[in-house]
Amino acid sequence: PEPEPEPEPEPEPEPEPEPNKSLCEKFFDLFVQN
């Protein structure tokens, strides 16, 4: 008999979406650091 495939892990619940401004600022900080 074929082995049963491993069950897919349940996806983690997405955190509450942050404001776009905050997200952009995070990316901006990453660019500034590099």
C-alpha atoms as a PDB file:
ATOM      1  CA  PRO A   1       0.000   0.000   0.000  1.00  0.00           C
ATOM      2  CA  GLU A   2       1.201   3.494  -0.784  1.00  0.00           C
ATOM      3  CA  PRO A   3       2.243   5.569   2.224  1.00  0.00           C
ATOM      4  CA  GLU A   4      -0.256   8.237   3.177  1.00  0.00           C
ATOM      5  CA  PRO A   5       0.909  11.757   2.271  1.00  0.00           C
ATOM      6  CA  GLU A   6       1.789  13.971   5.184  1.00  0.00           C
ATOM      7  CA  PRO A   7      -1.097  16.232   6.148  1.00  0.00           C
ATOM      8  CA  GLU A   8      -0.531  19.819   5.157  1.00  0.00           C
ATOM      9  CA  PRO A   9       0.067  22.075   8.170  1.00  0.00           C
ATOM     10  CA  GLU A  10      -2.751  24.492   8.824  1.00  0.00           C
ATOM     11  CA  PRO A  11      -1.822  27.998   7.691  1.00  0.00           C
ATOM     12  CA  GLU A  12      -1.149  30.370  10.544  1.00  0.00           C
ATOM     13  CA  PRO A  13      -3.828  33.006  11.041  1.00  0.00           C
ATOM     14  CA  GLU A  14      -2.834  36.205   9.328  1.00  0.00           C
ATOM     15  CA  PRO A  15      -2.053  39.034  11.743  1.00  0.00           C
ATOM     16  CA  GLU A  16      -4.229  42.104  11.607  1.00  0.00           C
ATOM     17  CA  PRO A  17      -3.246  44.147   8.541  1.00  0.00           C
ATOM     18  CA  GLU A  18      -1.111  47.107   9.447  1.00  0.00           C
ATOM     19  CA  PRO A  19      -1.751  50.519   7.922  1.00  0.00           C
ATOM     20  CA  ASN A  20      -0.167  50.953   4.506  1.00  0.00           C
ATOM     21  CA  LYS A  21       1.863  53.877   5.786  1.00  0.00           C
ATOM     22  CA  SER A  22       3.466  51.723   8.478  1.00  0.00           C
ATOM     23  CA  LEU A  23       4.248  48.989   5.944  1.00  0.00           C
ATOM     24  CA  CYS A  24       5.850  51.471   3.566  1.00  0.00           C
ATOM     25  CA  GLU A  25       7.875  52.932   6.398  1.00  0.00           C
ATOM     26  CA  LYS A  26       9.195  49.480   7.237  1.00  0.00           C
ATOM     27  CA  PHE A  27      10.331  48.953   3.648  1.00  0.00           C
ATOM     28  CA  PHE A  28      11.836  52.427   3.597  1.00  0.00           C
ATOM     29  CA  ASP A  29      13.793  51.644   6.768  1.00  0.00           C
ATOM     30  CA  LEU A  30      15.098  48.462   5.155  1.00  0.00           C
ATOM     31  CA  PHE A  31      16.300  50.406   2.116  1.00  0.00           C
ATOM     32  CA  VAL A  32      17.923  53.048   4.304  1.00  0.00           C
ATOM     33  CA  GLN A  33      19.767  50.438   6.345  1.00  0.00           C
ATOM     34  CA  ASN A  34      21.285  48.795   3.273  1.00  0.00           C
END
